[in-house]
Amino acid sequence: MIDLHLLLIAMIIGAIIAVEVKDLLSSVVALGAVGLVLSIAFLVLKAPDVAITQLVVEILALIILIRATLRKDLPFSASGRWVLNTFIAVCFIGVILVVAYKCFKDLPEFGYPIMRVAETYLKEGLPKTGAANIIASVILDYRAFDTLGEATVLFTAVIGVLALVRRIGRKRADETISDKEEY
């Protein structure tokens, strides 16, 4: 439980930083860190499917929010910082590849489940449900409420992102709107 408490403290600190920092891009990055720590917390709580959903939604929202905060002319591309940025990006990709290799190496062989529930799904999934394939039987019969919850989270995230990036109803900085036009 100590690791979960540390993750919760990290999320609280990230949220405070996101609210208190003056730079909008730094605020978006801090908010993204909160979401990524939340997906790690879901992994600690033994909910990998919710963690994957959280990670996908968080990365999509982070990309859109960072793109919305950046200007079209990036000052570091002409000033020489592109070397540092390229080096950081290559190091990040290298770390991700090493971690992915180690994770994939530890997976059990295909067809040999390490969890008791997975063994039950494989042995009894098709005969009990009558589905055409095992994945459909697990998703739609055994875990239907969980799948409904994940679909609801994804739908809500998409609607939220669309509401944030829509252009209808926005005014320019030099534009004023009268009270009659507002309604």
Foldseek 3Di string as FASTA:
>chain_A
DVVLVVLVVLLVVLCVCLVPDPQPLSNLVSNLVSLLSVLVSCVVVVNNVVSVLSNVLSVVLSVLSNVVRDDPDDVCVPVPCVVVVVVVVVVVVVVVVVVVVVVVVPDDDPPDDPDPVVVCLVPCQCVVPVDPDSVCSCCCPVPPVVNVVSVVVVVVSVVVSCVVPDDPPDDDPPDDDDPVRND
